[in-house]
PDB file of all heavy atoms in Angstrom:
ATOM      1  N   SER A   1      55.263 310.224 -61.136  1.00  0.00           N
ATOM      2  CA  SER A   1      56.521 310.911 -61.467  1.00  0.00           C
ATOM      3  C   SER A   1      56.235 312.352 -61.861  1.00  0.00           C
ATOM      4  O   SER A   1      55.080 312.759 -62.061  1.00  0.00           O
ATOM      5  CB  SER A   1      57.313 310.200 -62.569  1.00  0.00           C
ATOM      6  OG  SER A   1      56.913 310.599 -63.867  1.00  0.00           O
ATOM      7  N   HIS A   2      57.320 313.142 -62.010  1.00  0.00           N
ATOM      8  CA  HIS A   2      57.164 314.558 -62.346  1.00  0.00           C
ATOM      9  C   HIS A   2      56.771 314.743 -63.802  1.00  0.00           C
ATOM     10  O   HIS A   2      56.366 315.830 -64.211  1.00  0.00           O
ATOM     11  CB  HIS A   2      58.476 315.309 -62.059  1.00  0.00           C
ATOM     12  CG  HIS A   2      59.563 315.035 -63.060  1.00  0.00           C
ATOM     13  ND1 HIS A   2      60.356 313.919 -62.983  1.00  0.00           N
ATOM     14  CD2 HIS A   2      59.968 315.728 -64.158  1.00  0.00           C
ATOM     15  CE1 HIS A   2      61.219 313.936 -63.991  1.00  0.00           C
ATOM     16  NE2 HIS A   2      61.001 315.006 -64.716  1.00  0.00           N
ATOM     17  N   ASN A   3      56.888 313.668 -64.615  1.00  0.00           N
ATOM     18  CA  ASN A   3      56.564 313.772 -66.036  1.00  0.00           C
ATOM     19  C   ASN A   3      55.784 312.539 -66.481  1.00  0.00           C
ATOM     20  O   ASN A   3      56.303 311.672 -67.183  1.00  0.00           O
ATOM     21  CB  ASN A   3      57.858 313.915 -66.847  1.00  0.00           C
ATOM     22  CG  ASN A   3      57.592 314.338 -68.281  1.00  0.00           C
ATOM     23  OD1 ASN A   3      56.444 314.444 -68.698  1.00  0.00           O
ATOM     24  ND2 ASN A   3      58.648 314.572 -69.032  1.00  0.00           N
ATOM     25  N   PRO A   4      54.506 312.444 -66.081  1.00  0.00           N
ATOM     26  CA  PRO A   4      53.717 311.246 -66.371  1.00  0.00           C
ATOM     27  C   PRO A   4      53.488 310.983 -67.859  1.00  0.00           C
ATOM     28  O   PRO A   4      53.258 309.838 -68.252  1.00  0.00           O
ATOM     29  CB  PRO A   4      52.388 311.513 -65.645  1.00  0.00           C
ATOM     30  CG  PRO A   4      52.335 312.984 -65.440  1.00  0.00           C
ATOM     31  CD  PRO A   4      53.752 313.435 -65.278  1.00  0.00           C
ATOM     32  N   LYS A   5      53.550 312.017 -68.696  1.00  0.00           N
ATOM     33  CA  LYS A   5      53.350 311.805 -70.130  1.00  0.00           C
ATOM     34  C   LYS A   5      54.464 310.944 -70.721  1.00  0.00           C
ATOM     35  O   LYS A   5      54.238 310.160 -71.638  1.00  0.00           O
ATOM     36  CB  LYS A   5      53.289 313.152 -70.857  1.00  0.00           C
ATOM     37  CG  LYS A   5      52.036 313.964 -70.562  1.00  0.00           C
ATOM     38  CD  LYS A   5      52.020 315.260 -71.370  1.00  0.00           C
ATOM     39  CE  LYS A   5      50.756 316.057 -71.091  1.00  0.00           C
ATOM     40  NZ  LYS A   5      50.738 317.332 -71.862  1.00  0.00           N
ATOM     41  N   ARG A   6      55.667 311.123 -70.216  1.00  0.00           N
ATOM     42  CA  ARG A   6      56.807 310.393 -70.749  1.00  0.00           C
ATOM     43  C   ARG A   6      57.045 309.049 -70.062  1.00  0.00           C
ATOM     44  O   ARG A   6      57.695 308.166 -70.608  1.00  0.00           O
ATOM     45  CB  ARG A   6      58.068 311.252 -70.591  1.00  0.00           C
ATOM     46  CG  ARG A   6      58.215 312.344 -71.623  1.00  0.00           C
ATOM     47  CD  ARG A   6      58.889 311.793 -72.857  1.00  0.00           C
ATOM     48  NE  ARG A   6      60.270 311.402 -72.582  1.00  0.00           N
ATOM     49  CZ  ARG A   6      60.955 310.518 -73.289  1.00  0.00           C
ATOM     50  NH1 ARG A   6      60.397 309.915 -74.297  1.00  0.00           N
ATOM     51  NH2 ARG A   6      62.215 310.225 -72.975  1.00  0.00           N
ATOM     52  N   ARG A   7      56.497 308.883 -68.867  1.00  0.00           N
ATOM     53  CA  ARG A   7      56.854 307.704 -68.070  1.00  0.00           C
ATOM     54  C   ARG A   7      56.529 306.370 -68.745  1.00  0.00           C
ATOM     55  O   ARG A   7      57.399 305.475 -68.766  1.00  0.00           O
ATOM     56  CB  ARG A   7      56.189 307.785 -66.689  1.00  0.00           C
ATOM     57  CG  ARG A   7      56.494 306.577 -65.812  1.00  0.00           C
ATOM     58  CD  ARG A   7      56.112 306.803 -64.365  1.00  0.00           C
ATOM     59  NE  ARG A   7      56.181 305.572 -63.598  1.00  0.00           N
ATOM     60  CZ  ARG A   7      57.305 305.015 -63.159  1.00  0.00           C
ATOM     61  NH1 ARG A   7      58.459 305.588 -63.424  1.00  0.00           N
ATOM     62  NH2 ARG A   7      57.268 303.905 -62.465  1.00  0.00           N
ATOM     63  N   PRO A   8      55.331 306.143 -69.305  1.00  0.00           N
ATOM     64  CA  PRO A   8      55.057 304.833 -69.905  1.00  0.00           C
ATOM     65  C   PRO A   8      56.066 304.446 -70.984  1.00  0.00           C
ATOM     66  O   PRO A   8      56.542 303.300 -71.011  1.00  0.00           O
ATOM     67  CB  PRO A   8      53.646 305.007 -70.482  1.00  0.00           C
ATOM     68  CG  PRO A   8      53.027 306.068 -69.637  1.00  0.00           C
ATOM     69  CD  PRO A   8      54.141 307.022 -69.343  1.00  0.00           C
ATOM     70  N   ALA A   9      56.401 305.384 -71.864  1.00  0.00           N
ATOM     71  CA  ALA A   9      57.350 305.077 -72.943  1.00  0.00           C
ATOM     72  C   ALA A   9      58.729 304.754 -72.383  1.00  0.00           C
ATOM     73  O   ALA A   9      59.417 303.838 -72.865  1.00  0.00           O
ATOM     74  CB  ALA A   9      57.431 306.249 -73.922  1.00  0.00           C
ATOM     75  N   ARG A  10      59.141 305.489 -71.369  1.00  0.00           N
ATOM     76  CA  ARG A  10      60.452 305.246 -70.769  1.00  0.00           C
ATOM     77  C   ARG A  10      60.490 303.872 -70.102  1.00  0.00           C
ATOM     78  O   ARG A  10      61.479 303.138 -70.204  1.00  0.00           O
ATOM     79  CB  ARG A  10      60.764 306.333 -69.753  1.00  0.00           C
ATOM     80  CG  ARG A  10      61.022 307.708 -70.363  1.00  0.00           C
ATOM     81  CD  ARG A  10      61.059 308.789 -69.312  1.00  0.00           C
ATOM     82  NE  ARG A  10      62.109 308.554 -68.342  1.00  0.00           N
ATOM     83  CZ  ARG A  10      62.170 309.156 -67.157  1.00  0.00           C
ATOM     84  NH1 ARG A  10      61.229 310.022 -66.810  1.00  0.00           N
ATOM     85  NH2 ARG A  10      63.159 308.922 -66.335  1.00  0.00           N
ATOM     86  N   LEU A  11      59.400 303.513 -69.400  1.00  0.00           N
ATOM     87  CA  LEU A  11      59.354 302.208 -68.743  1.00  0.00           C
ATOM     88  C   LEU A  11      59.349 301.074 -69.766  1.00  0.00           C
ATOM     89  O   LEU A  11      59.994 300.037 -69.560  1.00  0.00           O
ATOM     90  CB  LEU A  11      58.130 302.116 -67.838  1.00  0.00           C
ATOM     91  CG  LEU A  11      58.177 302.915 -66.533  1.00  0.00           C
ATOM     92  CD1 LEU A  11      56.876 302.741 -65.764  1.00  0.00           C
ATOM     93  CD2 LEU A  11      59.359 302.495 -65.668  1.00  0.00           C
ATOM     94  N   ARG A  12      58.636 301.261 -70.866  1.00  0.00           N
ATOM     95  CA  ARG A  12      58.595 300.204 -71.887  1.00  0.00           C
ATOM     96  C   ARG A  12      59.971 300.015 -72.529  1.00  0.00           C
ATOM     97  O   ARG A  12      60.352 298.888 -72.869  1.00  0.00           O
ATOM     98  CB  ARG A  12      57.539 300.524 -72.943  1.00  0.00           C
ATOM     99  CG  ARG A  12      56.122 300.461 -72.395  1.00  0.00           C
ATOM    100  CD  ARG A  12      55.052 300.479 -73.458  1.00  0.00           C
ATOM    101  NE  ARG A  12      53.735 300.592 -72.848  1.00  0.00           N
ATOM    102  CZ  ARG A  12      53.106 299.609 -72.216  1.00  0.00           C
ATOM    103  NH1 ARG A  12      53.680 298.424 -72.131  1.00  0.00           N
ATOM    104  NH2 ARG A  12      51.919 299.812 -71.678  1.00  0.00           N
ATOM    105  N   ALA A  13      60.701 301.122 -72.688  1.00  0.00           N
ATOM    106  CA  ALA A  13      62.052 301.008 -73.237  1.00  0.00           C
ATOM    107  C   ALA A  13      62.955 300.234 -72.280  1.00  0.00           C
ATOM    108  O   ALA A  13      63.760 299.386 -72.698  1.00  0.00           O
ATOM    109  CB  ALA A  13      62.627 302.401 -73.501  1.00  0.00           C
ATOM    110  N   ARG A  14      62.806 300.486 -70.985  1.00  0.00           N
ATOM    111  CA  ARG A  14      63.591 299.747 -69.996  1.00  0.00           C
ATOM    112  C   ARG A  14      63.176 298.277 -69.954  1.00  0.00           C
ATOM    113  O   ARG A  14      64.015 297.383 -69.818  1.00  0.00           O
ATOM    114  CB  ARG A  14      63.403 300.350 -68.607  1.00  0.00           C
ATOM    115  CG  ARG A  14      64.082 301.691 -68.398  1.00  0.00           C
ATOM    116  CD  ARG A  14      64.008 302.051 -66.922  1.00  0.00           C
ATOM    117  NE  ARG A  14      63.964 303.480 -66.710  1.00  0.00           N
ATOM    118  CZ  ARG A  14      63.587 304.047 -65.578  1.00  0.00           C
ATOM    119  NH1 ARG A  14      63.185 303.307 -64.576  1.00  0.00           N
ATOM    120  NH2 ARG A  14      63.587 305.366 -65.451  1.00  0.00           N
ATOM    121  N   LEU A  15      61.864 298.030 -70.055  1.00  0.00           N
ATOM    122  CA  LEU A  15      61.372 296.657 -70.039  1.00  0.00           C
ATOM    123  C   LEU A  15      61.926 295.876 -71.225  1.00  0.00           C
ATOM    124  O   LEU A  15      62.293 294.700 -71.100  1.00  0.00           O
ATOM    125  CB  LEU A  15      59.841 296.647 -70.060  1.00  0.00           C
ATOM    126  CG  LEU A  15      59.157 295.285 -69.883  1.00  0.00           C
ATOM    127  CD1 LEU A  15      59.545 294.653 -68.555  1.00  0.00           C
ATOM    128  CD2 LEU A  15      57.638 295.439 -69.978  1.00  0.00           C
ATOM    129  N   GLN A  16      61.999 296.526 -72.370  1.00  0.00           N
ATOM    130  CA  GLN A  16      62.576 295.905 -73.561  1.00  0.00           C
ATOM    131  C   GLN A  16      64.046 295.564 -73.330  1.00  0.00           C
ATOM    132  O   GLN A  16      64.530 294.497 -73.724  1.00  0.00           O
ATOM    133  CB  GLN A  16      62.439 296.844 -74.767  1.00  0.00           C
ATOM    134  CG  GLN A  16      63.019 296.312 -76.067  1.00  0.00           C
ATOM    135  CD  GLN A  16      62.286 295.099 -76.590  1.00  0.00           C
ATOM    136  OE1 GLN A  16      61.101 294.904 -76.287  1.00  0.00           O
ATOM    137  NE2 GLN A  16      62.966 294.258 -77.353  1.00  0.00           N
ATOM    138  N   GLN A  17      64.759 296.471 -72.658  1.00  0.00           N
ATOM    139  CA  GLN A  17      66.170 296.240 -72.347  1.00  0.00           C
ATOM    140  C   GLN A  17      66.326 295.034 -71.424  1.00  0.00           C
ATOM    141  O   GLN A  17      67.236 294.220 -71.597  1.00  0.00           O
ATOM    142  CB  GLN A  17      66.768 297.494 -71.698  1.00  0.00           C
ATOM    143  CG  GLN A  17      68.276 297.440 -71.504  1.00  0.00           C
ATOM    144  CD  GLN A  17      68.834 298.756 -70.994  1.00  0.00           C
ATOM    145  OE1 GLN A  17      68.163 299.792 -71.024  1.00  0.00           O
ATOM    146  NE2 GLN A  17      70.066 298.746 -70.535  1.00  0.00           N
ATOM    147  N   LEU A  18      65.445 294.926 -70.440  1.00  0.00           N
ATOM    148  CA  LEU A  18      65.478 293.786 -69.531  1.00  0.00           C
ATOM    149  C   LEU A  18      65.187 292.484 -70.285  1.00  0.00           C
ATOM    150  O   LEU A  18      65.846 291.456 -70.058  1.00  0.00           O
ATOM    151  CB  LEU A  18      64.451 293.974 -68.414  1.00  0.00           C
ATOM    152  CG  LEU A  18      64.733 295.075 -67.387  1.00  0.00           C
ATOM    153  CD1 LEU A  18      63.498 295.318 -66.516  1.00  0.00           C
ATOM    154  CD2 LEU A  18      65.931 294.696 -66.506  1.00  0.00           C
ATOM    155  N   ALA A  19      64.204 292.532 -71.196  1.00  0.00           N
ATOM    156  CA  ALA A  19      63.832 291.331 -71.957  1.00  0.00           C
ATOM    157  C   ALA A  19      64.970 290.892 -72.871  1.00  0.00           C
ATOM    158  O   ALA A  19      65.258 289.694 -72.999  1.00  0.00           O
ATOM    159  CB  ALA A  19      62.570 291.603 -72.770  1.00  0.00           C
ATOM    160  N   GLU A  20      65.617 291.856 -73.520  1.00  0.00           N
ATOM    161  CA  GLU A  20      66.717 291.532 -74.429  1.00  0.00           C
ATOM    162  C   GLU A  20      67.895 290.918 -73.684  1.00  0.00           C
ATOM    163  O   GLU A  20      68.683 290.169 -74.267  1.00  0.00           O
ATOM    164  CB  GLU A  20      67.164 292.796 -75.175  1.00  0.00           C
ATOM    165  CG  GLU A  20      66.144 293.279 -76.193  1.00  0.00           C
ATOM    166  CD  GLU A  20      66.542 294.604 -76.829  1.00  0.00           C
ATOM    167  OE1 GLU A  20      67.552 295.201 -76.383  1.00  0.00           O
ATOM    168  OE2 GLU A  20      65.845 295.040 -77.768  1.00  0.00           O
ATOM    169  N   ALA A  21      68.012 291.239 -72.396  1.00  0.00           N
ATOM    170  CA  ALA A  21      69.086 290.667 -71.586  1.00  0.00           C
ATOM    171  C   ALA A  21      68.702 289.304 -71.017  1.00  0.00           C
ATOM    172  O   ALA A  21      69.470 288.698 -70.267  1.00  0.00           O
ATOM    173  CB  ALA A  21      69.450 291.628 -70.451  1.00  0.00           C
ATOM    174  N   GLY A  22      67.475 288.835 -71.371  1.00  0.00           N
ATOM    175  CA  GLY A  22      67.028 287.531 -70.895  1.00  0.00           C
ATOM    176  C   GLY A  22      66.547 287.533 -69.465  1.00  0.00           C
ATOM    177  O   GLY A  22      66.542 286.498 -68.799  1.00  0.00           O
ATOM    178  N   MET A  23      66.111 288.707 -68.989  1.00  0.00           N
ATOM    179  CA  MET A  23      65.663 288.831 -67.602  1.00  0.00           C
ATOM    180  C   MET A  23      64.301 288.163 -67.444  1.00  0.00           C
ATOM    181  O   MET A  23      63.318 288.578 -68.054  1.00  0.00           O
ATOM    182  CB  MET A  23      65.557 290.318 -67.259  1.00  0.00           C
ATOM    183  CG  MET A  23      65.086 290.599 -65.851  1.00  0.00           C
ATOM    184  SD  MET A  23      66.395 290.331 -64.660  1.00  0.00           S
ATOM    185  CE  MET A  23      65.432 290.306 -63.138  1.00  0.00           C
ATOM    186  N   PRO A  24      64.191 287.129 -66.617  1.00  0.00           N
ATOM    187  CA  PRO A  24      62.895 286.476 -66.419  1.00  0.00           C
ATOM    188  C   PRO A  24      61.989 287.325 -65.541  1.00  0.00           C
ATOM    189  O   PRO A  24      62.434 287.921 -64.559  1.00  0.00           O
ATOM    190  CB  PRO A  24      63.265 285.166 -65.715  1.00  0.00           C
ATOM    191  CG  PRO A  24      64.531 285.494 -64.981  1.00  0.00           C
ATOM    192  CD  PRO A  24      65.265 286.486 -65.837  1.00  0.00           C
ATOM    193  N   MET A  25      60.719 287.414 -65.912  1.00  0.00           N
ATOM    194  CA  MET A  25      59.757 288.154 -65.115  1.00  0.00           C
ATOM    195  C   MET A  25      59.230 287.249 -64.014  1.00  0.00           C
ATOM    196  O   MET A  25      58.667 286.179 -64.279  1.00  0.00           O
ATOM    197  CB  MET A  25      58.585 288.641 -65.981  1.00  0.00           C
ATOM    198  CG  MET A  25      58.996 289.590 -67.094  1.00  0.00           C
ATOM    199  SD  MET A  25      59.635 291.145 -66.461  1.00  0.00           S
ATOM    200  CE  MET A  25      61.110 291.336 -67.445  1.00  0.00           C
ATOM    201  N   SER A  26      59.440 287.626 -62.762  1.00  0.00           N
ATOM    202  CA  SER A  26      58.955 286.814 -61.633  1.00  0.00           C
ATOM    203  C   SER A  26      58.293 287.729 -60.630  1.00  0.00           C
ATOM    204  O   SER A  26      58.936 288.602 -60.066  1.00  0.00           O
ATOM    205  CB  SER A  26      60.123 286.070 -60.981  1.00  0.00           C
ATOM    206  OG  SER A  26      61.142 286.966 -60.598  1.00  0.00           O
ATOM    207  N   ASP A  27      57.011 287.546 -60.428  1.00  0.00           N
ATOM    208  CA  ASP A  27      56.259 288.436 -59.553  1.00  0.00           C
ATOM    209  C   ASP A  27      56.732 288.311 -58.110  1.00  0.00           C
ATOM    210  O   ASP A  27      57.318 287.311 -57.714  1.00  0.00           O
ATOM    211  CB  ASP A  27      54.767 288.103 -59.643  1.00  0.00           C
ATOM    212  CG  ASP A  27      53.905 289.364 -59.547  1.00  0.00           C
ATOM    213  OD1 ASP A  27      54.404 290.359 -58.995  1.00  0.00           O
ATOM    214  OD2 ASP A  27      52.760 289.319 -60.024  1.00  0.00           O
ATOM    215  N   VAL A  28      56.438 289.353 -57.337  1.00  0.00           N
ATOM    216  CA  VAL A  28      56.816 289.353 -55.927  1.00  0.00           C
ATOM    217  C   VAL A  28      55.557 289.353 -55.076  1.00  0.00           C
ATOM    218  O   VAL A  28      54.521 289.861 -55.489  1.00  0.00           O
ATOM    219  CB  VAL A  28      57.673 290.596 -55.577  1.00  0.00           C
ATOM    220  CG1 VAL A  28      59.001 290.512 -56.268  1.00  0.00           C
ATOM    221  CG2 VAL A  28      56.946 291.882 -55.924  1.00  0.00           C
ATOM    222  N   PRO A  29      55.642 288.786 -53.874  1.00  0.00           N
ATOM    223  CA  PRO A  29      54.464 288.789 -52.988  1.00  0.00           C
ATOM    224  C   PRO A  29      54.053 290.214 -52.659  1.00  0.00           C
ATOM    225  O   PRO A  29      54.898 291.073 -52.391  1.00  0.00           O
ATOM    226  CB  PRO A  29      54.961 288.056 -51.743  1.00  0.00           C
ATOM    227  CG  PRO A  29      56.160 287.290 -52.176  1.00  0.00           C
ATOM    228  CD  PRO A  29      56.782 288.089 -53.271  1.00  0.00           C
ATOM    229  N   GLY A  30      52.779 290.474 -52.690  1.00  0.00           N
ATOM    230  CA  GLY A  30      52.307 291.804 -52.350  1.00  0.00           C
ATOM    231  C   GLY A  30      50.861 291.749 -51.934  1.00  0.00           C
ATOM    232  O   GLY A  30      50.210 290.700 -51.971  1.00  0.00           O
ATOM    233  N   ASP A  31      50.329 292.877 -51.541  1.00  0.00           N
ATOM    234  CA  ASP A  31      48.936 293.001 -51.166  1.00  0.00           C
ATOM    235  C   ASP A  31      48.051 292.669 -52.366  1.00  0.00           C
ATOM    236  O   ASP A  31      48.342 293.069 -53.493  1.00  0.00           O
ATOM    237  CB  ASP A  31      48.670 294.435 -50.685  1.00  0.00           C
ATOM    238  CG  ASP A  31      47.336 294.557 -49.979  1.00  0.00           C
ATOM    239  OD1 ASP A  31      46.319 294.236 -50.607  1.00  0.00           O
ATOM    240  OD2 ASP A  31      47.323 294.982 -48.810  1.00  0.00           O
ATOM    241  N   ASP A  32      46.983 291.943 -52.158  1.00  0.00           N
ATOM    242  CA  ASP A  32      46.097 291.558 -53.255  1.00  0.00           C
ATOM    243  C   ASP A  32      45.489 292.748 -53.969  1.00  0.00           C
ATOM    244  O   ASP A  32      45.045 292.642 -55.106  1.00  0.00           O
ATOM    245  CB  ASP A  32      44.968 290.655 -52.736  1.00  0.00           C
ATOM    246  CG  ASP A  32      45.488 289.294 -52.307  1.00  0.00           C
ATOM    247  OD1 ASP A  32      46.576 288.910 -52.787  1.00  0.00           O
ATOM    248  OD2 ASP A  32      44.809 288.627 -51.491  1.00  0.00           O
TER     249      ASP A  32
END
């Protein structure tokens, strides 16, 4: 991203929002 210093904190805040909404984490098929 254009602002890598801020990205981890922003993603963790979004992840917390997803968790609080009861969003189940389910991996997707991808390259090993």
